[in-house]
């Protein structure tokens, strides 16, 4: 499960926010994995890549819902101060919303 601030849920549901940067000790997700975002729905993880926060560009920030890499880094610094101090790795998780499977396994 991936948790997001409520302010991001509309953009996720609209398909505008298609990635998130997470700081983890180790990779917690993999491409092809299904997951769930409360308030948005089921997702399929398209890719999980290690990234360097200092190398993030404005183009990297936009699919995450930010206009600039600086704004993205500022948000990450406020969300993950302890992880940053501990040297955790930043991972870019790319995803898209999917329809949940039908309860009986039938195609919708």
PDB file of N, CA and C in Angstrom:
ATOM      1  N   UNK A   1       0.844  -1.164   0.000  1.00  0.00           N
ATOM      2  CA  UNK A   1       0.000   0.000   0.000  1.00  0.00           C
ATOM      3  C   UNK A   1       0.899   1.240   0.000  1.00  0.00           C
ATOM      4  N   UNK A   2       0.506   2.238  -0.786  1.00  0.00           N
ATOM      5  CA  UNK A   2       1.198   3.521  -0.797  1.00  0.00           C
ATOM      6  C   UNK A   2       0.257   4.568  -0.216  1.00  0.00           C
ATOM      7  N   UNK A   3       0.742   5.323   0.733  1.00  0.00           N
ATOM      8  CA  UNK A   3      -0.049   6.391   1.334  1.00  0.00           C
ATOM      9  C   UNK A   3       0.384   7.733   0.763  1.00  0.00           C
ATOM     10  N   UNK A   4      -0.612   8.600   0.536  1.00  0.00           N
ATOM     11  CA  UNK A   4      -0.367   9.933   0.001  1.00  0.00           C
ATOM     12  C   UNK A   4      -1.151  10.955   0.804  1.00  0.00           C
ATOM     13  N   UNK A   5      -0.678  12.192   0.780  1.00  0.00           N
ATOM     14  CA  UNK A   5      -1.445  13.290   1.348  1.00  0.00           C
ATOM     15  C   UNK A   5      -2.726  13.449   0.536  1.00  0.00           C
ATOM     16  N   UNK A   6      -3.792  13.870   1.202  1.00  0.00           N
ATOM     17  CA  UNK A   6      -5.081  14.054   0.521  1.00  0.00           C
ATOM     18  C   UNK A   6      -4.969  15.008  -0.654  1.00  0.00           C
ATOM     19  N   UNK A   7      -4.074  15.977  -0.570  1.00  0.00           N
ATOM     20  CA  UNK A   7      -3.942  16.971  -1.641  1.00  0.00           C
ATOM     21  C   UNK A   7      -3.498  16.348  -2.968  1.00  0.00           C
ATOM     22  N   UNK A   8      -2.941  15.141  -2.955  1.00  0.00           N
ATOM     23  CA  UNK A   8      -2.485  14.485  -4.181  1.00  0.00           C
ATOM     24  C   UNK A   8      -3.513  13.532  -4.782  1.00  0.00           C
ATOM     25  N   UNK A   9      -4.549  13.183  -4.037  1.00  0.00           N
ATOM     26  CA  UNK A   9      -5.459  12.131  -4.485  1.00  0.00           C
ATOM     27  C   UNK A   9      -6.204  12.474  -5.768  1.00  0.00           C
ATOM     28  N   UNK A  10      -6.678  13.716  -5.920  1.00  0.00           N
ATOM     29  CA  UNK A  10      -7.375  14.091  -7.152  1.00  0.00           C
ATOM     30  C   UNK A  10      -6.466  13.927  -8.367  1.00  0.00           C
ATOM     31  N   UNK A  11      -5.208  14.354  -8.237  1.00  0.00           N
ATOM     32  CA  UNK A  11      -4.261  14.242  -9.350  1.00  0.00           C
ATOM     33  C   UNK A  11      -3.959  12.776  -9.670  1.00  0.00           C
ATOM     34  N   UNK A  12      -3.905  11.936  -8.660  1.00  0.00           N
ATOM     35  CA  UNK A  12      -3.685  10.505  -8.904  1.00  0.00           C
ATOM     36  C   UNK A  12      -4.885   9.919  -9.632  1.00  0.00           C
ATOM     37  N   UNK A  13      -6.099  10.221  -9.141  1.00  0.00           N
ATOM     38  CA  UNK A  13      -7.312   9.695  -9.779  1.00  0.00           C
ATOM     39  C   UNK A  13      -7.446  10.182 -11.215  1.00  0.00           C
ATOM     40  N   UNK A  14      -6.969  11.410 -11.498  1.00  0.00           N
ATOM     41  CA  UNK A  14      -7.054  11.982 -12.846  1.00  0.00           C
ATOM     42  C   UNK A  14      -5.929  11.484 -13.760  1.00  0.00           C
ATOM     43  N   UNK A  15      -4.991  10.725 -13.212  1.00  0.00           N
ATOM     44  CA  UNK A  15      -3.871  10.237 -14.015  1.00  0.00           C
ATOM     45  C   UNK A  15      -2.795  11.280 -14.242  1.00  0.00           C
ATOM     46  N   UNK A  16      -2.820  12.360 -13.470  1.00  0.00           N
ATOM     47  CA  UNK A  16      -1.822  13.428 -13.614  1.00  0.00           C
ATOM     48  C   UNK A  16      -0.586  13.170 -12.759  1.00  0.00           C
ATOM     49  N   UNK A  17      -0.760  12.552 -11.622  1.00  0.00           N
ATOM     50  CA  UNK A  17       0.372  12.180 -10.758  1.00  0.00           C
ATOM     51  C   UNK A  17       0.603  10.697 -10.967  1.00  0.00           C
ATOM     52  N   UNK A  18       1.725  10.378 -11.578  1.00  0.00           N
ATOM     53  CA  UNK A  18       2.005   8.993 -11.962  1.00  0.00           C
ATOM     54  C   UNK A  18       3.303   8.461 -11.365  1.00  0.00           C
ATOM     55  N   UNK A  19       3.848   9.181 -10.414  1.00  0.00           N
ATOM     56  CA  UNK A  19       5.046   8.700  -9.748  1.00  0.00           C
ATOM     57  C   UNK A  19       5.142   9.287  -8.356  1.00  0.00           C
ATOM     58  N   UNK A  20       5.979   8.675  -7.562  1.00  0.00           N
ATOM     59  CA  UNK A  20       6.289   9.164  -6.230  1.00  0.00           C
ATOM     60  C   UNK A  20       7.742   8.842  -5.935  1.00  0.00           C
ATOM     61  N   UNK A  21       8.375   9.698  -5.176  1.00  0.00           N
ATOM     62  CA  UNK A  21       9.741   9.446  -4.716  1.00  0.00           C
ATOM     63  C   UNK A  21       9.629   9.023  -3.259  1.00  0.00           C
ATOM     64  N   UNK A  22      10.206   7.881  -2.935  1.00  0.00           N
ATOM     65  CA  UNK A  22      10.175   7.362  -1.570  1.00  0.00           C
ATOM     66  C   UNK A  22      11.596   7.101  -1.100  1.00  0.00           C
ATOM     67  N   UNK A  23      11.859   7.331   0.182  1.00  0.00           N
ATOM     68  CA  UNK A  23      13.157   7.032   0.768  1.00  0.00           C
ATOM     69  C   UNK A  23      13.036   5.760   1.585  1.00  0.00           C
ATOM     70  N   UNK A  24      13.773   4.741   1.169  1.00  0.00           N
ATOM     71  CA  UNK A  24      13.723   3.432   1.799  1.00  0.00           C
ATOM     72  C   UNK A  24      15.135   2.922   2.054  1.00  0.00           C
ATOM     73  N   UNK A  25      15.261   2.070   3.051  1.00  0.00           N
ATOM     74  CA  UNK A  25      16.534   1.387   3.295  1.00  0.00           C
ATOM     75  C   UNK A  25      16.850   0.442   2.151  1.00  0.00           C
ATOM     76  N   UNK A  26      15.808  -0.181   1.621  1.00  0.00           N
ATOM     77  CA  UNK A  26      15.938  -1.103   0.495  1.00  0.00           C
ATOM     78  C   UNK A  26      14.688  -0.972  -0.366  1.00  0.00           C
ATOM     79  N   UNK A  27      14.769  -1.442  -1.581  1.00  0.00           N
ATOM     80  CA  UNK A  27      13.650  -1.372  -2.528  1.00  0.00           C
ATOM     81  C   UNK A  27      12.484  -2.177  -1.956  1.00  0.00           C
ATOM     82  N   UNK A  28      11.330  -1.527  -1.794  1.00  0.00           N
ATOM     83  CA  UNK A  28      10.162  -2.182  -1.210  1.00  0.00           C
ATOM     84  C   UNK A  28       9.111  -2.587  -2.242  1.00  0.00           C
ATOM     85  N   UNK A  29       9.270  -2.139  -3.461  1.00  0.00           N
ATOM     86  CA  UNK A  29       8.312  -2.462  -4.518  1.00  0.00           C
ATOM     87  C   UNK A  29       9.086  -2.862  -5.759  1.00  0.00           C
ATOM     88  N   UNK A  30       8.377  -3.498  -6.697  1.00  0.00           N
ATOM     89  CA  UNK A  30       9.019  -3.897  -7.951  1.00  0.00           C
ATOM     90  C   UNK A  30       8.050  -3.668  -9.106  1.00  0.00           C
ATOM     91  N   UNK A  31       8.595  -3.527 -10.290  1.00  0.00           N
ATOM     92  CA  UNK A  31       7.775  -3.360 -11.493  1.00  0.00           C
ATOM     93  C   UNK A  31       6.868  -4.575 -11.643  1.00  0.00           C
ATOM     94  N   UNK A  32       5.631  -4.330 -12.047  1.00  0.00           N
ATOM     95  CA  UNK A  32       4.658  -5.394 -12.226  1.00  0.00           C
ATOM     96  C   UNK A  32       3.825  -5.678 -10.996  1.00  0.00           C
ATOM     97  N   UNK A  33       4.221  -5.119  -9.874  1.00  0.00           N
ATOM     98  CA  UNK A  33       3.497  -5.338  -8.625  1.00  0.00           C
ATOM     99  C   UNK A  33       2.205  -4.532  -8.604  1.00  0.00           C
ATOM    100  N   UNK A  34       1.163  -5.131  -8.068  1.00  0.00           N
ATOM    101  CA  UNK A  34      -0.093  -4.419  -7.841  1.00  0.00           C
ATOM    102  C   UNK A  34      -0.062  -3.878  -6.420  1.00  0.00           C
ATOM    103  N   UNK A  35      -0.660  -2.716  -6.233  1.00  0.00           N
ATOM    104  CA  UNK A  35      -0.729  -2.130  -4.902  1.00  0.00           C
ATOM    105  C   UNK A  35      -2.017  -1.326  -4.807  1.00  0.00           C
ATOM    106  N   UNK A  36      -2.167  -0.608  -3.711  1.00  0.00           N
ATOM    107  CA  UNK A  36      -3.394   0.135  -3.462  1.00  0.00           C
ATOM    108  C   UNK A  36      -3.048   1.477  -2.850  1.00  0.00           C
ATOM    109  N   UNK A  37      -3.752   2.517  -3.309  1.00  0.00           N
ATOM    110  CA  UNK A  37      -3.631   3.854  -2.737  1.00  0.00           C
ATOM    111  C   UNK A  37      -4.996   4.197  -2.133  1.00  0.00           C
ATOM    112  N   UNK A  38      -5.096   4.247  -0.795  1.00  0.00           N
ATOM    113  CA  UNK A  38      -6.374   4.611  -0.185  1.00  0.00           C
ATOM    114  C   UNK A  38      -6.859   5.963  -0.698  1.00  0.00           C
ATOM    115  N   UNK A  39      -8.112   5.994  -1.122  1.00  0.00           N
ATOM    116  CA  UNK A  39      -8.686   7.225  -1.649  1.00  0.00           C
ATOM    117  C   UNK A  39      -8.516   7.396  -3.145  1.00  0.00           C
ATOM    118  N   UNK A  40      -7.712   6.543  -3.770  1.00  0.00           N
ATOM    119  CA  UNK A  40      -7.482   6.640  -5.218  1.00  0.00           C
ATOM    120  C   UNK A  40      -7.807   5.332  -5.921  1.00  0.00           C
ATOM    121  N   UNK A  41      -7.360   4.220  -5.387  1.00  0.00           N
ATOM    122  CA  UNK A  41      -7.660   2.939  -6.006  1.00  0.00           C
ATOM    123  C   UNK A  41      -6.445   2.052  -6.176  1.00  0.00           C
ATOM    124  N   UNK A  42      -6.627   1.002  -6.938  1.00  0.00           N
ATOM    125  CA  UNK A  42      -5.577   0.030  -7.214  1.00  0.00           C
ATOM    126  C   UNK A  42      -4.637   0.570  -8.279  1.00  0.00           C
ATOM    127  N   UNK A  43      -3.352   0.235  -8.120  1.00  0.00           N
ATOM    128  CA  UNK A  43      -2.344   0.666  -9.084  1.00  0.00           C
ATOM    129  C   UNK A  43      -1.535  -0.531  -9.544  1.00  0.00           C
ATOM    130  N   UNK A  44      -0.890  -0.350 -10.682  1.00  0.00           N
ATOM    131  CA  UNK A  44       0.128  -1.268 -11.160  1.00  0.00           C
ATOM    132  C   UNK A  44       1.429  -0.479 -11.185  1.00  0.00           C
ATOM    133  N   UNK A  45       2.457  -1.019 -10.577  1.00  0.00           N
ATOM    134  CA  UNK A  45       3.765  -0.364 -10.546  1.00  0.00           C
ATOM    135  C   UNK A  45       4.457  -0.630 -11.878  1.00  0.00           C
ATOM    136  N   UNK A  46       4.798   0.453 -12.577  1.00  0.00           N
ATOM    137  CA  UNK A  46       5.445   0.348 -13.881  1.00  0.00           C
ATOM    138  C   UNK A  46       6.961   0.222 -13.773  1.00  0.00           C
ATOM    139  N   UNK A  47       7.562   0.914 -12.800  1.00  0.00           N
ATOM    140  CA  UNK A  47       9.011   0.889 -12.636  1.00  0.00           C
ATOM    141  C   UNK A  47       9.373   1.376 -11.246  1.00  0.00           C
ATOM    142  N   UNK A  48      10.483   0.869 -10.735  1.00  0.00           N
ATOM    143  CA  UNK A  48      11.056   1.341  -9.472  1.00  0.00           C
ATOM    144  C   UNK A  48      12.542   1.500  -9.718  1.00  0.00           C
ATOM    145  N   UNK A  49      13.026   2.739  -9.624  1.00  0.00           N
ATOM    146  CA  UNK A  49      14.424   3.022  -9.923  1.00  0.00           C
ATOM    147  C   UNK A  49      15.055   3.831  -8.807  1.00  0.00           C
ATOM    148  N   UNK A  50      16.276   3.479  -8.439  1.00  0.00           N
ATOM    149  CA  UNK A  50      17.041   4.280  -7.493  1.00  0.00           C
ATOM    150  C   UNK A  50      17.395   5.598  -8.171  1.00  0.00           C
ATOM    151  N   UNK A  51      17.261   6.700  -7.447  1.00  0.00           N
ATOM    152  CA  UNK A  51      17.584   8.020  -7.984  1.00  0.00           C
ATOM    153  C   UNK A  51      18.381   8.802  -6.943  1.00  0.00           C
ATOM    154  N   UNK A  52      19.129   9.759  -7.424  1.00  0.00           N
ATOM    155  CA  UNK A  52      19.845  10.680  -6.545  1.00  0.00           C
ATOM    156  C   UNK A  52      19.019  11.954  -6.440  1.00  0.00           C
ATOM    157  N   UNK A  53      18.677  12.361  -5.240  1.00  0.00           N
ATOM    158  CA  UNK A  53      17.814  13.537  -5.076  1.00  0.00           C
ATOM    159  C   UNK A  53      18.418  14.788  -5.709  1.00  0.00           C
ATOM    160  N   UNK A  54      19.720  14.943  -5.595  1.00  0.00           N
ATOM    161  CA  UNK A  54      20.369  16.113  -6.162  1.00  0.00           C
ATOM    162  C   UNK A  54      20.345  16.152  -7.678  1.00  0.00           C
ATOM    163  N   UNK A  55      20.126  15.001  -8.302  1.00  0.00           N
ATOM    164  CA  UNK A  55      20.108  14.923  -9.763  1.00  0.00           C
ATOM    165  C   UNK A  55      18.706  15.062 -10.349  1.00  0.00           C
ATOM    166  N   UNK A  56      17.674  15.159  -9.503  1.00  0.00           N
ATOM    167  CA  UNK A  56      16.306  15.298 -10.000  1.00  0.00           C
ATOM    168  C   UNK A  56      16.142  16.620 -10.745  1.00  0.00           C
ATOM    169  N   UNK A  57      15.459  16.575 -11.873  1.00  0.00           N
ATOM    170  CA  UNK A  57      15.231  17.768 -12.686  1.00  0.00           C
ATOM    171  C   UNK A  57      13.758  18.181 -12.600  1.00  0.00           C
ATOM    172  N   UNK A  58      13.448  19.331 -13.179  1.00  0.00           N
ATOM    173  CA  UNK A  58      12.054  19.776 -13.237  1.00  0.00           C
ATOM    174  C   UNK A  58      11.200  18.759 -13.999  1.00  0.00           C
ATOM    175  N   UNK A  59      11.770  18.153 -15.044  1.00  0.00           N
ATOM    176  CA  UNK A  59      11.043  17.122 -15.794  1.00  0.00           C
ATOM    177  C   UNK A  59      10.749  15.900 -14.919  1.00  0.00           C
ATOM    178  N   UNK A  60      11.639  15.596 -13.989  1.00  0.00           N
ATOM    179  CA  UNK A  60      11.402  14.499 -13.047  1.00  0.00           C
ATOM    180  C   UNK A  60      10.297  14.859 -12.054  1.00  0.00           C
ATOM    181  N   UNK A  61      10.195  16.129 -11.704  1.00  0.00           N
ATOM    182  CA  UNK A  61       9.258  16.575 -10.669  1.00  0.00           C
ATOM    183  C   UNK A  61       7.811  16.623 -11.152  1.00  0.00           C
ATOM    184  N   UNK A  62       7.582  16.920 -12.413  1.00  0.00           N
ATOM    185  CA  UNK A  62       6.207  17.121 -12.913  1.00  0.00           C
ATOM    186  C   UNK A  62       5.310  15.897 -12.758  1.00  0.00           C
ATOM    187  N   UNK A  63       5.741  14.678 -13.131  1.00  0.00           N
ATOM    188  CA  UNK A  63       4.857  13.523 -12.941  1.00  0.00           C
ATOM    189  C   UNK A  63       4.588  13.222 -11.465  1.00  0.00           C
ATOM    190  N   UNK A  64       5.371  13.858 -10.592  1.00  0.00           N
ATOM    191  CA  UNK A  64       5.193  13.691  -9.156  1.00  0.00           C
ATOM    192  C   UNK A  64       4.253  14.755  -8.586  1.00  0.00           C
ATOM    193  N   UNK A  65       3.803  15.677  -9.435  1.00  0.00           N
ATOM    194  CA  UNK A  65       2.863  16.700  -8.986  1.00  0.00           C
ATOM    195  C   UNK A  65       3.502  18.014  -8.560  1.00  0.00           C
ATOM    196  N   UNK A  66       4.762  18.215  -8.916  1.00  0.00           N
ATOM    197  CA  UNK A  66       5.480  19.431  -8.552  1.00  0.00           C
ATOM    198  C   UNK A  66       5.954  20.148  -9.810  1.00  0.00           C
ATOM    199  N   UNK A  67       5.999  21.478  -9.747  1.00  0.00           N
ATOM    200  CA  UNK A  67       6.439  22.265 -10.899  1.00  0.00           C
ATOM    201  C   UNK A  67       7.954  22.244 -11.073  1.00  0.00           C
ATOM    202  N   UNK A  68       8.668  22.129  -9.952  1.00  0.00           N
ATOM    203  CA  UNK A  68      10.129  22.185 -10.019  1.00  0.00           C
ATOM    204  C   UNK A  68      10.753  21.099  -9.156  1.00  0.00           C
ATOM    205  N   UNK A  69      11.980  20.754  -9.487  1.00  0.00           N
ATOM    206  CA  UNK A  69      12.732  19.785  -8.691  1.00  0.00           C
ATOM    207  C   UNK A  69      12.981  20.355  -7.296  1.00  0.00           C
ATOM    208  N   UNK A  70      13.174  21.652  -7.198  1.00  0.00           N
ATOM    209  CA  UNK A  70      13.397  22.273  -5.889  1.00  0.00           C
ATOM    210  C   UNK A  70      12.177  22.076  -4.992  1.00  0.00           C
ATOM    211  N   UNK A  71      10.977  22.276  -5.535  1.00  0.00           N
ATOM    212  CA  UNK A  71       9.753  22.079  -4.751  1.00  0.00           C
ATOM    213  C   UNK A  71       9.618  20.620  -4.324  1.00  0.00           C
ATOM    214  N   UNK A  72       9.958  19.698  -5.208  1.00  0.00           N
ATOM    215  CA  UNK A  72       9.908  18.279  -4.874  1.00  0.00           C
ATOM    216  C   UNK A  72      10.899  17.954  -3.759  1.00  0.00           C
ATOM    217  N   UNK A  73      12.124  18.429  -3.883  1.00  0.00           N
ATOM    218  CA  UNK A  73      13.136  18.163  -2.849  1.00  0.00           C
ATOM    219  C   UNK A  73      12.725  18.755  -1.503  1.00  0.00           C
ATOM    220  N   UNK A  74      12.137  19.955  -1.525  1.00  0.00           N
ATOM    221  CA  UNK A  74      11.680  20.588  -0.285  1.00  0.00           C
ATOM    222  C   UNK A  74      10.619  19.728   0.398  1.00  0.00           C
ATOM    223  N   UNK A  75       9.686  19.198  -0.389  1.00  0.00           N
ATOM    224  CA  UNK A  75       8.648  18.311   0.157  1.00  0.00           C
ATOM    225  C   UNK A  75       9.272  17.036   0.733  1.00  0.00           C
ATOM    226  N   UNK A  76      10.197  16.445   0.006  1.00  0.00           N
ATOM    227  CA  UNK A  76      10.842  15.220   0.480  1.00  0.00           C
ATOM    228  C   UNK A  76      11.623  15.466   1.771  1.00  0.00           C
ATOM    229  N   UNK A  77      12.273  16.605   1.856  1.00  0.00           N
ATOM    230  CA  UNK A  77      13.018  16.950   3.063  1.00  0.00           C
ATOM    231  C   UNK A  77      12.096  17.109   4.266  1.00  0.00           C
ATOM    232  N   UNK A  78      10.873  17.612   4.039  1.00  0.00           N
ATOM    233  CA  UNK A  78       9.932  17.767   5.151  1.00  0.00           C
ATOM    234  C   UNK A  78       9.289  16.432   5.533  1.00  0.00           C
ATOM    235  N   UNK A  79       9.114  15.539   4.563  1.00  0.00           N
ATOM    236  CA  UNK A  79       8.493  14.238   4.836  1.00  0.00           C
ATOM    237  C   UNK A  79       9.463  13.221   5.432  1.00  0.00           C
ATOM    238  N   UNK A  80      10.714  13.293   5.042  1.00  0.00           N
ATOM    239  CA  UNK A  80      11.672  12.243   5.381  1.00  0.00           C
ATOM    240  C   UNK A  80      12.944  12.760   6.074  1.00  0.00           C
ATOM    241  N   UNK A  81      12.847  13.619   7.067  1.00  0.00           N
ATOM    242  CA  UNK A  81      14.091  14.151   7.660  1.00  0.00           C
ATOM    243  C   UNK A  81      14.969  13.074   8.290  1.00  0.00           C
ATOM    244  N   UNK A  82      14.366  12.126   8.984  1.00  0.00           N
ATOM    245  CA  UNK A  82      15.158  11.070   9.632  1.00  0.00           C
ATOM    246  C   UNK A  82      15.792  10.126   8.610  1.00  0.00           C
ATOM    247  N   UNK A  83      15.041   9.808   7.566  1.00  0.00           N
ATOM    248  CA  UNK A  83      15.569   8.915   6.541  1.00  0.00           C
ATOM    249  C   UNK A  83      16.738   9.568   5.796  1.00  0.00           C
ATOM    250  N   UNK A  84      16.624  10.876   5.550  1.00  0.00           N
ATOM    251  CA  UNK A  84      17.713  11.584   4.884  1.00  0.00           C
ATOM    252  C   UNK A  84      18.964  11.575   5.755  1.00  0.00           C
ATOM    253  N   UNK A  85      18.801  11.827   7.043  1.00  0.00           N
ATOM    254  CA  UNK A  85      19.944  11.811   7.964  1.00  0.00           C
ATOM    255  C   UNK A  85      20.591  10.431   8.007  1.00  0.00           C
ATOM    256  N   UNK A  86      19.769   9.393   7.915  1.00  0.00           N
ATOM    257  CA  UNK A  86      20.265   8.019   7.990  1.00  0.00           C
ATOM    258  C   UNK A  86      20.829   7.521   6.657  1.00  0.00           C
ATOM    259  N   UNK A  87      20.733   8.328   5.593  1.00  0.00           N
ATOM    260  CA  UNK A  87      21.310   7.955   4.309  1.00  0.00           C
ATOM    261  C   UNK A  87      20.481   6.977   3.495  1.00  0.00           C
ATOM    262  N   UNK A  88      19.177   6.951   3.717  1.00  0.00           N
ATOM    263  CA  UNK A  88      18.306   6.056   2.954  1.00  0.00           C
ATOM    264  C   UNK A  88      18.373   6.413   1.473  1.00  0.00           C
ATOM    265  N   UNK A  89      18.125   5.425   0.627  1.00  0.00           N
ATOM    266  CA  UNK A  89      18.131   5.588  -0.829  1.00  0.00           C
ATOM    267  C   UNK A  89      16.783   6.143  -1.289  1.00  0.00           C
ATOM    268  N   UNK A  90      16.820   7.074  -2.237  1.00  0.00           N
ATOM    269  CA  UNK A  90      15.593   7.572  -2.868  1.00  0.00           C
ATOM    270  C   UNK A  90      15.252   6.659  -4.041  1.00  0.00           C
ATOM    271  N   UNK A  91      13.967   6.296  -4.137  1.00  0.00           N
ATOM    272  CA  UNK A  91      13.462   5.469  -5.225  1.00  0.00           C
ATOM    273  C   UNK A  91      12.308   6.176  -5.915  1.00  0.00           C
ATOM    274  N   UNK A  92      12.349   6.179  -7.242  1.00  0.00           N
ATOM    275  CA  UNK A  92      11.243   6.704  -8.042  1.00  0.00           C
ATOM    276  C   UNK A  92      10.325   5.531  -8.365  1.00  0.00           C
ATOM    277  N   UNK A  93       9.069   5.635  -7.925  1.00  0.00           N
ATOM    278  CA  UNK A  93       8.070   4.603  -8.183  1.00  0.00           C
ATOM    279  C   UNK A  93       7.101   5.164  -9.214  1.00  0.00           C
ATOM    280  N   UNK A  94       7.095   4.585 -10.405  1.00  0.00           N
ATOM    281  CA  UNK A  94       6.156   4.996 -11.459  1.00  0.00           C
ATOM    282  C   UNK A  94       4.993   4.016 -11.456  1.00  0.00           C
ATOM    283  N   UNK A  95       3.784   4.541 -11.596  1.00  0.00           N
ATOM    284  CA  UNK A  95       2.600   3.701 -11.484  1.00  0.00           C
ATOM    285  C   UNK A  95       1.457   4.255 -12.323  1.00  0.00           C
ATOM    286  N   UNK A  96       0.432   3.433 -12.506  1.00  0.00           N
ATOM    287  CA  UNK A  96      -0.812   3.905 -13.115  1.00  0.00           C
ATOM    288  C   UNK A  96      -1.978   3.189 -12.437  1.00  0.00           C
ATOM    289  N   UNK A  97      -3.114   3.861 -12.408  1.00  0.00           N
ATOM    290  CA  UNK A  97      -4.315   3.290 -11.816  1.00  0.00           C
ATOM    291  C   UNK A  97      -4.840   2.160 -12.686  1.00  0.00           C
ATOM    292  N   UNK A  98      -5.378   1.135 -12.043  1.00  0.00           N
ATOM    293  CA  UNK A  98      -6.009   0.024 -12.753  1.00  0.00           C
ATOM    294  C   UNK A  98      -7.364  -0.247 -12.111  1.00  0.00           C
ATOM    295  N   UNK A  99      -8.203  -0.895 -12.865  1.00  0.00           N
ATOM    296  CA  UNK A  99      -9.498  -1.299 -12.322  1.00  0.00           C
ATOM    297  C   UNK A  99      -9.291  -2.494 -11.407  1.00  0.00           C
ATOM    298  N   UNK A 100      -9.956  -2.516 -10.273  1.00  0.00           N
ATOM    299  CA  UNK A 100      -9.821  -3.712  -9.429  1.00  0.00           C
ATOM    300  C   UNK A 100     -10.458  -4.920 -10.121  1.00  0.00           C
ATOM    301  N   UNK A 101      -9.961  -6.094  -9.847  1.00  0.00           N
ATOM    302  CA  UNK A 101     -10.557  -7.281 -10.488  1.00  0.00           C
ATOM    303  C   UNK A 101     -11.993  -7.479 -10.045  1.00  0.00           C
ATOM    304  N   UNK A 102     -12.787  -8.032 -10.917  1.00  0.00           N
ATOM    305  CA  UNK A 102     -14.179  -8.332 -10.581  1.00  0.00           C
ATOM    306  C   UNK A 102     -14.178  -9.375  -9.460  1.00  0.00           C
ATOM    307  N   UNK A 103     -15.131  -9.297  -8.519  1.00  0.00           N
ATOM    308  CA  UNK A 103     -15.146 -10.200  -7.373  1.00  0.00           C
ATOM    309  C   UNK A 103     -15.161 -11.677  -7.741  1.00  0.00           C
ATOM    310  N   UNK A 104     -15.832 -12.046  -8.829  1.00  0.00           N
ATOM    311  CA  UNK A 104     -15.928 -13.454  -9.206  1.00  0.00           C
ATOM    312  C   UNK A 104     -14.852 -13.859 -10.225  1.00  0.00           C
ATOM    313  N   UNK A 105     -13.935 -12.913 -10.541  1.00  0.00           N
ATOM    314  CA  UNK A 105     -12.886 -13.202 -11.501  1.00  0.00           C
ATOM    315  C   UNK A 105     -13.311 -12.990 -12.946  1.00  0.00           C
ATOM    316  N   UNK A 106     -14.581 -12.636 -13.173  1.00  0.00           N
ATOM    317  CA  UNK A 106     -15.071 -12.393 -14.538  1.00  0.00           C
ATOM    318  C   UNK A 106     -14.552 -11.057 -15.046  1.00  0.00           C
ATOM    319  N   UNK A 107     -14.429 -10.932 -16.329  1.00  0.00           N
ATOM    320  CA  UNK A 107     -14.014  -9.669 -16.941  1.00  0.00           C
ATOM    321  C   UNK A 107     -15.184  -8.691 -16.875  1.00  0.00           C
ATOM    322  N   UNK A 108     -14.880  -7.407 -16.616  1.00  0.00           N
ATOM    323  CA  UNK A 108     -15.971  -6.414 -16.555  1.00  0.00           C
ATOM    324  C   UNK A 108     -16.593  -6.163 -17.912  1.00  0.00           C
TER     325      UNK A 108
END
